[in-house]
Structures are given as structure tokens and as C-alpha cells.
């Protein structure tokens, strides 16, 4: 039994099984998953997989998202992205640039955080950094109440948010994204920034 199982009441494999069942239910006529929302209740946590689209120069750009609310015990927030937009985003949130100390990672991603030492601890796991490098152009951040839950976001609850700028449809790729996301939740607990408690959200 690993830390993730202790914290969430289910192993990562069991959590994926529940996500996979949701994918089956959201898929029709044997077609690949096309971005329908899949929600898995795992212990006291809720993980949501879905797709989003935004307009870019007159065309629609699809993205795949994984999101989970959690009790943020110390207010730690960060934004990690290969996109230049992070600099404007970071200024709005009061984040500052951080060098992790891994040459390959620092070349591939821009890291901003409210606490430089804590984000280095979050990224200290080589498996986490390697998985993020392997997934490529993704953004990972902690959002406050301007995020998914809007006005329902209670005080002290934030959202771990992953976005890939493409529609991920194959089971193997979705499983890779989910396992990375699970590793991030694990690491937030490990560094003392997340409680594995019910954040008290009522989902529509």
C-alpha cells in the first residue's frame, strides 16, 4: 500500500479502473473518448476528466483537462507551463520565477510559485519531472476560487488543474496523464500542502 492509497482510500490502479469505467460509459458505438466529462469519487477526493475548447484566431482549439479540489493547508500555489503566457498569468497571482536546478526541465518549462523552496520540493521527485517532460506541452497549476467551482469554492479549498493543448483520446495516453496527475496529488500531500480531507464541495 503506497502513500496515495493511504491518503485517498484507493490505489492509483483502482482509481484508474474507476476512470476507465467512466470512459466506457461516456463512449458510444465503440468510438474513442471525445471529451465527455468523467467524474470519479476516490475516497474523499473528486477527480474530473473532460475536454475544453477555446477560440484561437477564428478556429477552435481543443484541450484535455484533469482537475481535483483539495484542502490547501498552507496557501501554496504554482503555475508550470511551456507557454509564454505564464509571465502575465504569474504577475496577476503574485508568483515569481523559479529555477528547479534540472537543466532539461528548466529548459522545457517556466515555473512560477508563491514559495520557491516548496515548488522545488514538489518537483524534487525525478519520476514526476520525467513524466512531465515525457507528456510535453502541458500546463499544471493550483487555482483558487476563480477556477472550476466558482462561487461554490469554500475558503481554504483550491484546485489542482492540468491542461494538455490537444484532445487526448486513446486509453494508453489518458492513463499516462492520469498517473501523472495522481503523482502530483501524492506529492502535494507529501510536502505538506494538501490534506486528504473532503473539501466540502457539492457538485452539480
Protein backbone atom coordinates (compact mmCIF):
# COMPACT_ATOMS: atom_id res chain seq x y z
CA UNK A 1 0.00 0.00 0.00
CA UNK A 2 1.58 3.32 -1.06
CA UNK A 3 1.05 6.84 0.28
CA UNK A 4 -1.58 7.59 -2.36
CA UNK A 5 -3.65 4.62 -1.20
CA UNK A 6 -3.30 5.67 2.43
CA UNK A 7 -4.36 9.24 1.65
CA UNK A 8 -7.17 8.64 -0.80
CA UNK A 9 -8.52 5.26 0.23
CA UNK A 10 -7.74 3.63 -3.13
CA UNK A 11 -4.63 2.74 -5.08
CA UNK A 12 -3.78 4.55 -8.30
CA UNK A 13 -4.66 1.39 -10.19
CA UNK A 14 -8.10 1.24 -8.58
CA UNK A 15 -8.65 4.92 -9.29
CA UNK A 16 -7.78 4.37 -12.94
CA UNK A 17 -10.22 1.44 -13.08
CA UNK A 18 -12.98 3.81 -11.97
CA UNK A 19 -11.95 6.42 -14.54
CA UNK A 20 -11.86 3.69 -17.21
CA UNK A 21 -15.42 2.62 -16.36
CA UNK A 22 -16.48 6.24 -16.75
CA UNK A 23 -14.77 6.39 -20.13
CA UNK A 24 -16.71 3.32 -21.24
CA UNK A 25 -19.96 4.92 -20.11
CA UNK A 26 -19.11 8.19 -21.88
CA UNK A 27 -18.19 6.44 -25.16
CA UNK A 28 -20.76 5.27 -27.65
CA UNK A 29 -20.69 2.86 -30.61
CA UNK A 30 -17.15 1.75 -29.85
CA UNK A 31 -15.71 5.18 -30.64
CA UNK A 32 -12.78 6.72 -28.78
CA UNK A 33 -13.47 9.05 -25.86
CA UNK A 34 -14.19 12.50 -27.29
CA UNK A 35 -14.05 14.67 -24.21
CA UNK A 36 -17.26 13.90 -22.34
CA UNK A 37 -16.95 14.60 -18.64
CA UNK A 38 -15.90 11.69 -16.45
CA UNK A 39 -16.02 12.14 -12.66
CA UNK A 40 -14.51 9.62 -10.24
CA UNK A 41 -15.10 9.82 -6.50
CA UNK A 42 -12.00 8.39 -4.85
CA UNK A 43 -12.04 8.28 -1.06
CA UNK A 44 -12.64 11.90 -0.07
CA UNK A 45 -11.43 13.33 -3.41
CA UNK A 46 -13.17 14.04 -6.71
CA UNK A 47 -11.15 13.80 -9.94
CA UNK A 48 -12.73 15.12 -13.13
CA UNK A 49 -11.53 14.36 -16.64
CA UNK A 50 -13.00 16.36 -19.51
CA UNK A 51 -12.24 18.43 -22.59
CA UNK A 52 -12.49 22.14 -23.24
CA UNK A 53 -12.28 24.29 -26.34
CA UNK A 54 -11.23 27.87 -26.95
CA UNK A 55 -11.12 30.11 -29.98
CA UNK A 56 -7.71 30.94 -31.42
CA UNK A 57 -7.61 33.22 -34.49
CA UNK A 58 -11.02 32.09 -35.62
CA UNK A 59 -10.52 28.37 -35.09
CA UNK A 60 -11.50 26.15 -32.18
CA UNK A 61 -8.65 24.60 -30.19
CA UNK A 62 -9.46 21.56 -28.04
CA UNK A 63 -7.72 20.73 -24.78
CA UNK A 64 -7.89 17.88 -22.26
CA UNK A 65 -8.19 18.66 -18.55
CA UNK A 66 -7.79 16.83 -15.25
CA UNK A 67 -8.97 18.64 -12.13
CA UNK A 68 -9.34 17.93 -8.43
CA UNK A 69 -10.29 20.17 -5.50
CA UNK A 70 -8.27 19.77 -2.32
CA UNK A 71 -7.84 21.44 1.06
CA UNK A 72 -4.80 23.69 0.66
CA UNK A 73 -3.31 23.76 4.13
CA UNK A 74 -0.66 26.43 3.51
CA UNK A 75 -1.88 28.53 0.55
CA UNK A 76 0.92 27.25 -1.70
CA UNK A 77 0.25 27.95 -5.39
CA UNK A 78 2.27 27.45 -8.54
CA UNK A 79 1.99 27.53 -12.32
CA UNK A 80 4.17 25.36 -14.57
CA UNK A 81 3.86 25.74 -18.32
CA UNK A 82 5.83 25.79 -21.57
CA UNK A 83 3.78 28.78 -22.68
CA UNK A 84 4.99 32.39 -22.60
CA UNK A 85 1.57 33.36 -21.23
CA UNK A 86 2.74 32.23 -17.81
CA UNK A 87 4.57 35.51 -17.25
CA UNK A 88 1.39 37.59 -17.48
CA UNK A 89 -0.60 34.96 -15.56
CA UNK A 90 2.03 34.80 -12.84
CA UNK A 91 2.12 38.54 -12.30
CA UNK A 92 -1.62 38.53 -11.64
CA UNK A 93 -1.23 35.90 -8.92
CA UNK A 94 1.90 37.32 -7.32
CA UNK A 95 4.04 34.36 -8.40
CA UNK A 96 7.75 34.60 -9.09
CA UNK A 97 10.13 32.78 -11.43
CA UNK A 98 11.86 29.71 -10.01
CA UNK A 99 14.74 27.64 -11.39
CA UNK A 100 14.38 24.00 -10.35
CA UNK A 101 18.01 23.00 -10.92
CA UNK A 102 17.28 20.31 -13.51
CA UNK A 103 18.74 21.65 -16.77
CA UNK A 104 16.38 19.72 -19.08
CA UNK A 105 13.32 20.65 -17.02
CA UNK A 106 14.29 24.31 -16.69
CA UNK A 107 14.73 24.49 -20.47
CA UNK A 108 11.35 22.89 -21.15
CA UNK A 109 9.14 24.63 -18.57
CA UNK A 110 8.64 28.00 -16.97
CA UNK A 111 7.98 27.62 -13.25
CA UNK A 112 6.41 30.27 -11.05
CA UNK A 113 5.32 29.85 -7.44
CA UNK A 114 4.43 31.64 -4.24
CA UNK A 115 7.19 29.69 -2.44
CA UNK A 116 10.37 28.89 -4.37
CA UNK A 117 11.65 26.27 -1.95
CA UNK A 118 8.30 24.48 -1.77
CA UNK A 119 7.91 24.23 -5.55
CA UNK A 120 11.44 22.80 -5.73
CA UNK A 121 10.37 20.21 -3.15
CA UNK A 122 7.23 19.49 -5.19
CA UNK A 123 9.41 18.92 -8.27
CA UNK A 124 12.15 17.06 -6.40
CA UNK A 125 10.76 13.66 -7.43
CA UNK A 126 12.64 12.59 -10.61
CA UNK A 127 9.65 10.44 -11.62
CA UNK A 128 7.35 13.47 -11.53
CA UNK A 129 9.75 15.64 -13.55
CA UNK A 130 10.39 12.82 -16.01
CA UNK A 131 6.68 12.19 -16.51
CA UNK A 132 6.03 15.88 -17.17
CA UNK A 133 8.87 16.04 -19.69
CA UNK A 134 7.50 12.91 -21.34
CA UNK A 135 3.99 14.38 -21.62
CA UNK A 136 5.41 17.51 -23.23
CA UNK A 137 3.41 20.68 -23.71
CA UNK A 138 1.13 20.62 -20.69
CA UNK A 139 0.29 23.19 -18.04
CA UNK A 140 -0.05 22.35 -14.36
CA UNK A 141 -1.17 24.77 -11.70
CA UNK A 142 -3.03 25.34 -8.45
CA UNK A 143 -6.09 27.53 -8.94
CA UNK A 144 -8.03 29.39 -6.30
CA UNK A 145 -11.75 30.19 -6.34
CA UNK A 146 -11.63 31.71 -9.82
CA UNK A 147 -11.42 28.14 -11.10
CA UNK A 148 -13.84 25.33 -11.92
CA UNK A 149 -16.08 25.58 -8.84
CA UNK A 150 -16.57 29.36 -8.96
CA UNK A 151 -18.75 30.66 -6.14
CA UNK A 152 -19.00 27.18 -4.61
CA UNK A 153 -15.29 27.18 -3.78
CA UNK A 154 -15.08 27.26 0.06
CA UNK A 155 -12.35 29.11 1.89
CA UNK A 156 -9.16 27.06 2.07
CA UNK A 157 -10.03 24.88 -0.95
CA UNK A 158 -8.02 25.11 -4.15
CA UNK A 159 -7.95 23.09 -7.35
CA UNK A 160 -5.10 21.11 -8.88
CA UNK A 161 -5.51 21.72 -12.61
CA UNK A 162 -3.78 20.02 -15.55
CA UNK A 163 -4.37 21.01 -19.16
CA UNK A 164 -3.00 19.48 -22.35
CA UNK A 165 -3.46 21.60 -25.51
CA UNK A 166 -4.97 18.75 -27.50
CA UNK A 167 -7.78 16.25 -27.27
CA UNK A 168 -6.29 13.09 -25.76
CA UNK A 169 -8.43 10.14 -26.86
CA UNK A 170 -6.50 6.87 -26.57
CA UNK A 171 -6.73 4.82 -23.40
CA UNK A 172 -2.95 4.49 -23.11
CA UNK A 173 -2.39 8.25 -23.35
CA UNK A 174 -5.23 9.03 -20.94
CA UNK A 175 -3.80 6.57 -18.46
CA UNK A 176 -0.38 8.28 -18.68
CA UNK A 177 -1.96 11.66 -17.99
CA UNK A 178 -3.97 10.31 -15.09
CA UNK A 179 -0.99 8.56 -13.48
CA UNK A 180 0.98 11.81 -13.69
CA UNK A 181 -1.92 13.72 -12.11
CA UNK A 182 -2.15 11.13 -9.32
CA UNK A 183 1.57 11.51 -8.69
CA UNK A 184 1.09 15.29 -8.34
CA UNK A 185 -1.70 14.82 -5.78
CA UNK A 186 0.54 12.43 -3.88
CA UNK A 187 3.39 14.94 -3.91
CA UNK A 188 1.22 17.80 -2.64
CA UNK A 189 0.33 15.66 0.37
CA UNK A 190 3.95 14.57 0.78
CA UNK A 191 5.28 18.14 1.00
CA UNK A 192 2.55 19.10 3.49
CA UNK A 193 0.48 21.36 1.23
CA UNK A 194 -2.64 19.19 0.86
CA UNK A 195 -4.94 17.48 3.30
CA UNK A 196 -6.62 14.27 2.07
CA UNK A 197 -9.88 15.54 3.57
CA UNK A 198 -13.26 16.13 1.98
CA UNK A 199 -13.12 19.78 0.84
CA UNK A 200 -16.87 20.12 1.40
CA UNK A 201 -17.90 20.71 -2.20
CA UNK A 202 -21.33 19.97 -3.57
CA UNK A 203 -21.07 19.12 -7.27
CA UNK A 204 -23.88 19.80 -9.69
